[in-house]
Amino acid sequence: MSTSTRRFIFWILIVLFFIHSLLVFTIGTDEDNGKNLMTEEAQIGKLLFQKYNCTACHQLYGLGGYMGPDLTNMISSPGKGEIYARTLLQTGTQRMPNFHLTEEEINSMVAYLKYVDKTGISPVKKFKINFDGTISQK
């Protein structure tokens, strides 16, 4: 293969690389990954979720604490749902404290949980909590 042919192939590959990079970084960013589903009320719920440090005990999308259950698909889980979530937020449980949330705060938290439910799936994993606070999968 001659030197001019090699240079030609080299420059064609460089041009194709830049075209491909341009397409990847522009066309791929137009997708809506559920961001438009988050209403203003759900955004307030997200801030409340952070304010009350819910991820210290609960998980979203499989990330967070292990004291409480994963809340990613709580709204659509059989036997649970919006009424179940509202009840827990109003009263708390033996492990979860009652944060004395107002009705507006509860509505916002439920809106956020609905958003999380629509935008992700997190299968519930079975973990064993060890005496030293670490976890291991069953």
N, C-alpha and C. Protein backbone atom coordinates (compact mmCIF):
# COMPACT_ATOMS: atom_id res chain seq x y z
N MET A 1 0.86 -1.17 0.00
CA MET A 1 0.00 0.00 0.00
C MET A 1 0.91 1.23 0.00
N SER A 2 0.58 2.17 -0.84
CA SER A 2 1.43 3.36 -0.97
C SER A 2 1.18 4.32 0.19
N THR A 3 2.09 5.25 0.36
CA THR A 3 2.01 6.24 1.44
C THR A 3 0.80 7.14 1.26
N SER A 4 0.49 7.52 0.04
CA SER A 4 -0.66 8.40 -0.20
C SER A 4 -1.97 7.68 0.12
N THR A 5 -2.06 6.39 -0.15
CA THR A 5 -3.27 5.62 0.18
C THR A 5 -3.43 5.52 1.70
N ARG A 6 -2.34 5.29 2.39
CA ARG A 6 -2.39 5.22 3.85
C ARG A 6 -2.83 6.55 4.45
N ARG A 7 -2.30 7.64 3.94
CA ARG A 7 -2.71 8.97 4.43
C ARG A 7 -4.19 9.22 4.15
N PHE A 8 -4.64 8.82 2.99
CA PHE A 8 -6.05 9.01 2.63
C PHE A 8 -6.95 8.23 3.61
N ILE A 9 -6.61 6.98 3.86
CA ILE A 9 -7.39 6.15 4.79
C ILE A 9 -7.33 6.75 6.20
N PHE A 10 -6.16 7.22 6.61
CA PHE A 10 -6.01 7.84 7.92
C PHE A 10 -6.94 9.04 8.06
N TRP A 11 -6.96 9.92 7.08
CA TRP A 11 -7.79 11.12 7.17
C TRP A 11 -9.28 10.79 7.07
N ILE A 12 -9.64 9.80 6.31
CA ILE A 12 -11.04 9.36 6.26
C ILE A 12 -11.46 8.85 7.64
N LEU A 13 -10.61 8.06 8.27
CA LEU A 13 -10.93 7.55 9.61
C LEU A 13 -11.03 8.68 10.64
N ILE A 14 -10.18 9.67 10.55
CA ILE A 14 -10.24 10.81 11.47
C ILE A 14 -11.55 11.57 11.28
N VAL A 15 -11.92 11.83 10.03
CA VAL A 15 -13.17 12.54 9.75
C VAL A 15 -14.37 11.74 10.24
N LEU A 16 -14.38 10.43 9.98
CA LEU A 16 -15.48 9.58 10.45
C LEU A 16 -15.56 9.56 11.98
N PHE A 17 -14.41 9.55 12.64
CA PHE A 17 -14.39 9.59 14.10
C PHE A 17 -15.05 10.86 14.62
N PHE A 18 -14.71 12.01 14.05
CA PHE A 18 -15.29 13.26 14.51
C PHE A 18 -16.78 13.35 14.19
N ILE A 19 -17.20 12.84 13.06
CA ILE A 19 -18.63 12.83 12.72
C ILE A 19 -19.37 11.94 13.72
N HIS A 20 -18.83 10.77 13.98
CA HIS A 20 -19.45 9.86 14.94
C HIS A 20 -19.53 10.49 16.33
N SER A 21 -18.44 11.10 16.78
CA SER A 21 -18.43 11.76 18.09
C SER A 21 -19.46 12.87 18.16
N LEU A 22 -19.56 13.66 17.12
CA LEU A 22 -20.54 14.74 17.08
C LEU A 22 -21.96 14.19 17.17
N LEU A 23 -22.25 13.13 16.44
CA LEU A 23 -23.58 12.53 16.49
C LEU A 23 -23.89 11.95 17.86
N VAL A 24 -22.94 11.28 18.46
CA VAL A 24 -23.15 10.67 19.77
C VAL A 24 -23.44 11.73 20.83
N PHE A 25 -22.71 12.82 20.80
CA PHE A 25 -22.85 13.84 21.84
C PHE A 25 -23.99 14.81 21.59
N THR A 26 -24.61 14.79 20.44
CA THR A 26 -25.74 15.70 20.19
C THR A 26 -27.06 14.97 20.11
N ILE A 27 -27.16 13.93 19.32
CA ILE A 27 -28.43 13.23 19.15
C ILE A 27 -28.82 12.47 20.41
N GLY A 28 -27.88 11.82 21.07
CA GLY A 28 -28.17 11.03 22.26
C GLY A 28 -28.65 11.84 23.44
N THR A 29 -28.43 13.13 23.45
CA THR A 29 -28.83 13.95 24.59
C THR A 29 -30.25 14.47 24.48
N ASP A 30 -30.92 14.21 23.38
CA ASP A 30 -32.29 14.70 23.20
C ASP A 30 -33.32 13.80 23.87
N GLU A 31 -32.93 12.65 24.33
CA GLU A 31 -33.88 11.72 24.92
C GLU A 31 -34.39 12.23 26.26
N ASP A 32 -35.67 11.96 26.50
CA ASP A 32 -36.28 12.31 27.78
C ASP A 32 -36.23 11.07 28.66
N ASN A 33 -35.43 11.11 29.68
CA ASN A 33 -35.29 9.97 30.59
C ASN A 33 -36.18 10.11 31.81
N GLY A 34 -37.35 10.66 31.63
CA GLY A 34 -38.28 10.80 32.74
C GLY A 34 -38.14 12.10 33.48
N LYS A 35 -37.23 12.97 33.06
CA LYS A 35 -37.02 14.21 33.78
C LYS A 35 -38.25 15.11 33.71
N ASN A 36 -38.97 15.05 32.61
CA ASN A 36 -40.15 15.90 32.48
C ASN A 36 -41.33 15.37 33.27
N LEU A 37 -41.22 14.16 33.79
CA LEU A 37 -42.29 13.62 34.62
C LEU A 37 -42.30 14.23 36.01
N MET A 38 -41.18 14.81 36.42
CA MET A 38 -41.08 15.35 37.77
C MET A 38 -41.79 16.70 37.83
N THR A 39 -42.90 16.69 38.50
CA THR A 39 -43.67 17.91 38.67
C THR A 39 -43.01 18.78 39.74
N GLU A 40 -43.52 19.98 39.87
CA GLU A 40 -42.99 20.88 40.90
C GLU A 40 -43.21 20.28 42.29
N GLU A 41 -44.37 19.65 42.45
CA GLU A 41 -44.67 19.02 43.74
C GLU A 41 -43.70 17.88 44.03
N ALA A 42 -43.35 17.10 43.00
CA ALA A 42 -42.39 16.01 43.18
C ALA A 42 -41.00 16.55 43.49
N GLN A 43 -40.65 17.69 42.92
CA GLN A 43 -39.36 18.31 43.23
C GLN A 43 -39.30 18.73 44.69
N ILE A 44 -40.41 19.25 45.19
CA ILE A 44 -40.48 19.60 46.62
C ILE A 44 -40.35 18.34 47.46
N GLY A 45 -41.01 17.25 47.02
CA GLY A 45 -40.90 15.97 47.72
C GLY A 45 -39.48 15.45 47.75
N LYS A 46 -38.75 15.65 46.66
CA LYS A 46 -37.34 15.24 46.63
C LYS A 46 -36.53 16.02 47.65
N LEU A 47 -36.79 17.32 47.74
CA LEU A 47 -36.08 18.15 48.72
C LEU A 47 -36.42 17.71 50.15
N LEU A 48 -37.68 17.36 50.38
CA LEU A 48 -38.08 16.86 51.71
C LEU A 48 -37.42 15.52 52.00
N PHE A 49 -37.34 14.66 50.98
CA PHE A 49 -36.68 13.36 51.13
C PHE A 49 -35.23 13.56 51.57
N GLN A 50 -34.59 14.58 51.01
CA GLN A 50 -33.21 14.89 51.39
C GLN A 50 -33.16 15.56 52.76
N LYS A 51 -34.10 16.47 53.02
CA LYS A 51 -34.10 17.20 54.29
C LYS A 51 -34.24 16.25 55.48
N TYR A 52 -35.14 15.28 55.37
CA TYR A 52 -35.36 14.34 56.46
C TYR A 52 -34.41 13.14 56.40
N ASN A 53 -33.45 13.18 55.47
CA ASN A 53 -32.41 12.16 55.35
C ASN A 53 -32.98 10.75 55.25
N CYS A 54 -33.96 10.60 54.39
CA CYS A 54 -34.63 9.30 54.24
C CYS A 54 -33.69 8.22 53.71
N THR A 55 -32.66 8.62 52.94
CA THR A 55 -31.74 7.62 52.39
C THR A 55 -30.81 7.04 53.46
N ALA A 56 -30.84 7.58 54.66
CA ALA A 56 -30.06 6.98 55.74
C ALA A 56 -30.60 5.58 56.04
N CYS A 57 -31.91 5.40 55.87
CA CYS A 57 -32.53 4.10 56.15
C CYS A 57 -33.09 3.42 54.91
N HIS A 58 -33.57 4.20 53.94
CA HIS A 58 -34.24 3.65 52.77
C HIS A 58 -33.36 3.74 51.53
N GLN A 59 -33.69 2.89 50.56
CA GLN A 59 -33.00 2.90 49.28
C GLN A 59 -33.92 3.44 48.20
N LEU A 60 -33.32 4.09 47.21
CA LEU A 60 -33.97 4.43 45.95
C LEU A 60 -33.07 3.91 44.85
N TYR A 61 -33.64 3.18 43.92
CA TYR A 61 -32.88 2.58 42.81
C TYR A 61 -31.76 1.68 43.34
N GLY A 62 -31.96 1.08 44.51
CA GLY A 62 -30.97 0.17 45.08
C GLY A 62 -29.86 0.84 45.85
N LEU A 63 -29.91 2.16 46.00
CA LEU A 63 -28.85 2.89 46.70
C LEU A 63 -29.40 3.53 47.96
N GLY A 64 -28.68 3.44 49.05
CA GLY A 64 -29.11 4.06 50.29
C GLY A 64 -28.92 3.11 51.46
N GLY A 65 -29.64 3.39 52.54
CA GLY A 65 -29.52 2.60 53.75
C GLY A 65 -30.25 1.27 53.66
N TYR A 66 -30.05 0.44 54.67
CA TYR A 66 -30.64 -0.89 54.68
C TYR A 66 -31.55 -1.15 55.87
N MET A 67 -31.78 -0.14 56.71
CA MET A 67 -32.67 -0.34 57.86
C MET A 67 -34.12 -0.45 57.41
N GLY A 68 -34.50 0.37 56.43
CA GLY A 68 -35.86 0.36 55.91
C GLY A 68 -35.89 -0.25 54.53
N PRO A 69 -37.09 -0.44 53.98
CA PRO A 69 -37.21 -1.07 52.67
C PRO A 69 -36.83 -0.13 51.52
N ASP A 70 -36.57 -0.74 50.37
CA ASP A 70 -36.32 0.01 49.14
C ASP A 70 -37.66 0.62 48.71
N LEU A 71 -37.66 1.92 48.46
CA LEU A 71 -38.90 2.63 48.13
C LEU A 71 -39.08 2.87 46.63
N THR A 72 -38.20 2.33 45.80
CA THR A 72 -38.25 2.62 44.36
C THR A 72 -39.60 2.29 43.77
N ASN A 73 -40.13 1.12 44.01
CA ASN A 73 -41.39 0.69 43.40
C ASN A 73 -42.47 0.46 44.44
N MET A 74 -42.45 1.23 45.52
CA MET A 74 -43.43 1.06 46.57
C MET A 74 -44.84 1.40 46.10
N ILE A 75 -44.98 2.42 45.28
CA ILE A 75 -46.32 2.85 44.84
C ILE A 75 -46.99 1.77 44.00
N SER A 76 -46.22 1.07 43.15
CA SER A 76 -46.82 0.06 42.28
C SER A 76 -46.73 -1.36 42.84
N SER A 77 -46.17 -1.53 44.02
CA SER A 77 -46.04 -2.86 44.61
C SER A 77 -47.41 -3.39 45.03
N PRO A 78 -47.66 -4.68 44.79
CA PRO A 78 -48.93 -5.26 45.24
C PRO A 78 -49.06 -5.18 46.76
N GLY A 79 -50.22 -4.78 47.22
CA GLY A 79 -50.47 -4.67 48.64
C GLY A 79 -49.98 -3.39 49.27
N LYS A 80 -49.37 -2.54 48.48
CA LYS A 80 -48.90 -1.26 49.02
C LYS A 80 -49.61 -0.17 48.24
N GLY A 81 -48.93 0.84 47.79
CA GLY A 81 -49.55 1.88 46.99
C GLY A 81 -49.57 3.22 47.70
N GLU A 82 -50.34 4.13 47.12
CA GLU A 82 -50.36 5.50 47.61
C GLU A 82 -50.94 5.61 49.02
N ILE A 83 -52.01 4.90 49.30
CA ILE A 83 -52.64 4.98 50.62
C ILE A 83 -51.68 4.44 51.69
N TYR A 84 -51.01 3.35 51.37
CA TYR A 84 -50.02 2.76 52.28
C TYR A 84 -48.91 3.77 52.58
N ALA A 85 -48.40 4.42 51.52
CA ALA A 85 -47.33 5.41 51.69
C ALA A 85 -47.80 6.58 52.55
N ARG A 86 -49.01 7.06 52.28
CA ARG A 86 -49.55 8.18 53.07
C ARG A 86 -49.68 7.81 54.54
N THR A 87 -50.15 6.61 54.81
CA THR A 87 -50.33 6.17 56.19
C THR A 87 -48.99 6.13 56.92
N LEU A 88 -47.96 5.57 56.28
CA LEU A 88 -46.65 5.51 56.91
C LEU A 88 -46.06 6.89 57.14
N LEU A 89 -46.27 7.79 56.18
CA LEU A 89 -45.75 9.15 56.33
C LEU A 89 -46.48 9.92 57.43
N GLN A 90 -47.75 9.62 57.64
CA GLN A 90 -48.53 10.33 58.67
C GLN A 90 -48.20 9.83 60.07
N THR A 91 -47.99 8.52 60.20
CA THR A 91 -47.88 7.95 61.55
C THR A 91 -46.50 7.42 61.90
N GLY A 92 -45.70 7.06 60.90
CA GLY A 92 -44.43 6.41 61.18
C GLY A 92 -44.67 4.95 61.56
N THR A 93 -43.64 4.27 62.00
CA THR A 93 -43.75 2.88 62.45
C THR A 93 -42.89 2.73 63.70
N GLN A 94 -42.71 1.48 64.14
CA GLN A 94 -41.84 1.26 65.30
C GLN A 94 -40.41 1.67 64.99
N ARG A 95 -39.95 1.40 63.77
CA ARG A 95 -38.58 1.75 63.39
C ARG A 95 -38.48 3.15 62.80
N MET A 96 -39.50 3.56 62.06
CA MET A 96 -39.46 4.86 61.38
C MET A 96 -40.14 5.91 62.25
N PRO A 97 -39.44 6.99 62.55
CA PRO A 97 -40.05 8.01 63.41
C PRO A 97 -41.17 8.77 62.69
N ASN A 98 -42.06 9.32 63.47
CA ASN A 98 -43.10 10.19 62.93
C ASN A 98 -42.48 11.58 62.81
N PHE A 99 -42.37 12.06 61.59
CA PHE A 99 -41.75 13.36 61.35
C PHE A 99 -42.75 14.51 61.48
N HIS A 100 -44.01 14.20 61.79
CA HIS A 100 -45.07 15.20 61.94
C HIS A 100 -45.17 16.07 60.68
N LEU A 101 -45.26 15.40 59.54
CA LEU A 101 -45.35 16.09 58.26
C LEU A 101 -46.72 16.72 58.08
N THR A 102 -46.74 17.87 57.43
CA THR A 102 -48.03 18.49 57.09
C THR A 102 -48.63 17.74 55.91
N GLU A 103 -49.90 18.02 55.64
CA GLU A 103 -50.58 17.38 54.51
C GLU A 103 -49.90 17.73 53.19
N GLU A 104 -49.44 18.97 53.06
CA GLU A 104 -48.74 19.39 51.83
C GLU A 104 -47.42 18.63 51.68
N GLU A 105 -46.70 18.45 52.78
CA GLU A 105 -45.44 17.71 52.72
C GLU A 105 -45.68 16.25 52.35
N ILE A 106 -46.73 15.67 52.90
CA ILE A 106 -47.07 14.28 52.56
C ILE A 106 -47.42 14.17 51.09
N ASN A 107 -48.21 15.11 50.58
CA ASN A 107 -48.56 15.11 49.15
C ASN A 107 -47.31 15.21 48.28
N SER A 108 -46.37 16.04 48.68
CA SER A 108 -45.14 16.21 47.92
C SER A 108 -44.29 14.94 47.96
N MET A 109 -44.19 14.32 49.13
CA MET A 109 -43.41 13.09 49.25
C MET A 109 -44.03 11.97 48.41
N VAL A 110 -45.35 11.87 48.42
CA VAL A 110 -46.03 10.85 47.61
C VAL A 110 -45.83 11.14 46.13
N ALA A 111 -45.88 12.40 45.73
CA ALA A 111 -45.63 12.76 44.33
C ALA A 111 -44.21 12.35 43.93
N TYR A 112 -43.25 12.54 44.81
CA TYR A 112 -41.87 12.14 44.53
C TYR A 112 -41.76 10.62 44.43
N LEU A 113 -42.43 9.90 45.32
CA LEU A 113 -42.39 8.44 45.25
C LEU A 113 -43.06 7.92 43.97
N LYS A 114 -44.09 8.61 43.51
CA LYS A 114 -44.72 8.24 42.23
C LYS A 114 -43.74 8.45 41.08
N TYR A 115 -43.01 9.56 41.12
CA TYR A 115 -42.01 9.84 40.08
C TYR A 115 -40.93 8.76 40.08
N VAL A 116 -40.43 8.44 41.26
CA VAL A 116 -39.38 7.41 41.37
C VAL A 116 -39.90 6.08 40.85
N ASP A 117 -41.15 5.76 41.16
CA ASP A 117 -41.76 4.51 40.73
C ASP A 117 -41.84 4.44 39.20
N LYS A 118 -42.13 5.56 38.55
CA LYS A 118 -42.26 5.58 37.09
C LYS A 118 -40.92 5.54 36.37
N THR A 119 -39.85 5.95 37.04
CA THR A 119 -38.58 6.11 36.34
C THR A 119 -37.55 5.03 36.66
N GLY A 120 -37.91 4.02 37.43
CA GLY A 120 -36.91 3.01 37.73
C GLY A 120 -37.51 1.73 38.28
N ILE A 121 -36.70 0.70 38.21
CA ILE A 121 -37.07 -0.60 38.77
C ILE A 121 -35.92 -1.05 39.65
N SER A 122 -36.24 -1.46 40.83
CA SER A 122 -35.22 -1.97 41.74
C SER A 122 -35.76 -3.21 42.41
N PRO A 123 -35.31 -4.38 41.95
CA PRO A 123 -35.81 -5.60 42.59
C PRO A 123 -35.36 -5.67 44.04
N VAL A 124 -36.25 -6.09 44.88
CA VAL A 124 -35.94 -6.19 46.31
C VAL A 124 -34.96 -7.33 46.51
N LYS A 125 -33.88 -7.04 47.18
CA LYS A 125 -32.85 -8.05 47.46
C LYS A 125 -32.97 -8.47 48.92
N LYS A 126 -32.64 -9.70 49.17
CA LYS A 126 -32.68 -10.22 50.53
C LYS A 126 -31.29 -10.10 51.14
N PHE A 127 -31.20 -9.32 52.20
CA PHE A 127 -29.93 -9.13 52.88
C PHE A 127 -30.03 -9.58 54.33
N LYS A 128 -28.93 -10.05 54.84
CA LYS A 128 -28.83 -10.40 56.25
C LYS A 128 -28.00 -9.30 56.91
N ILE A 129 -28.54 -8.67 57.94
CA ILE A 129 -27.80 -7.63 58.66
C ILE A 129 -27.00 -8.32 59.76
N ASN A 130 -25.70 -8.20 59.69
CA ASN A 130 -24.81 -8.84 60.65
C ASN A 130 -24.74 -8.05 61.95
N PHE A 131 -24.24 -8.67 63.00
CA PHE A 131 -24.19 -8.04 64.31
C PHE A 131 -23.32 -6.79 64.33
N ASP A 132 -22.34 -6.69 63.42
CA ASP A 132 -21.46 -5.53 63.40
C ASP A 132 -21.95 -4.41 62.48
N GLY A 133 -23.16 -4.55 61.97
CA GLY A 133 -23.75 -3.51 61.13
C GLY A 133 -23.50 -3.68 59.65
N THR A 134 -22.69 -4.65 59.26
CA THR A 134 -22.47 -4.91 57.85
C THR A 134 -23.59 -5.79 57.32
N ILE A 135 -23.66 -5.91 56.01
CA ILE A 135 -24.71 -6.74 55.42
C ILE A 135 -24.08 -7.79 54.52
N SER A 136 -24.80 -8.86 54.32
CA SER A 136 -24.40 -9.88 53.36
C SER A 136 -25.67 -10.39 52.68
N GLN A 137 -25.52 -10.77 51.42
CA GLN A 137 -26.69 -11.23 50.67
C GLN A 137 -27.02 -12.65 51.07
N LYS A 138 -28.32 -12.92 51.24
CA LYS A 138 -28.78 -14.26 51.64
C LYS A 138 -28.72 -15.20 50.47
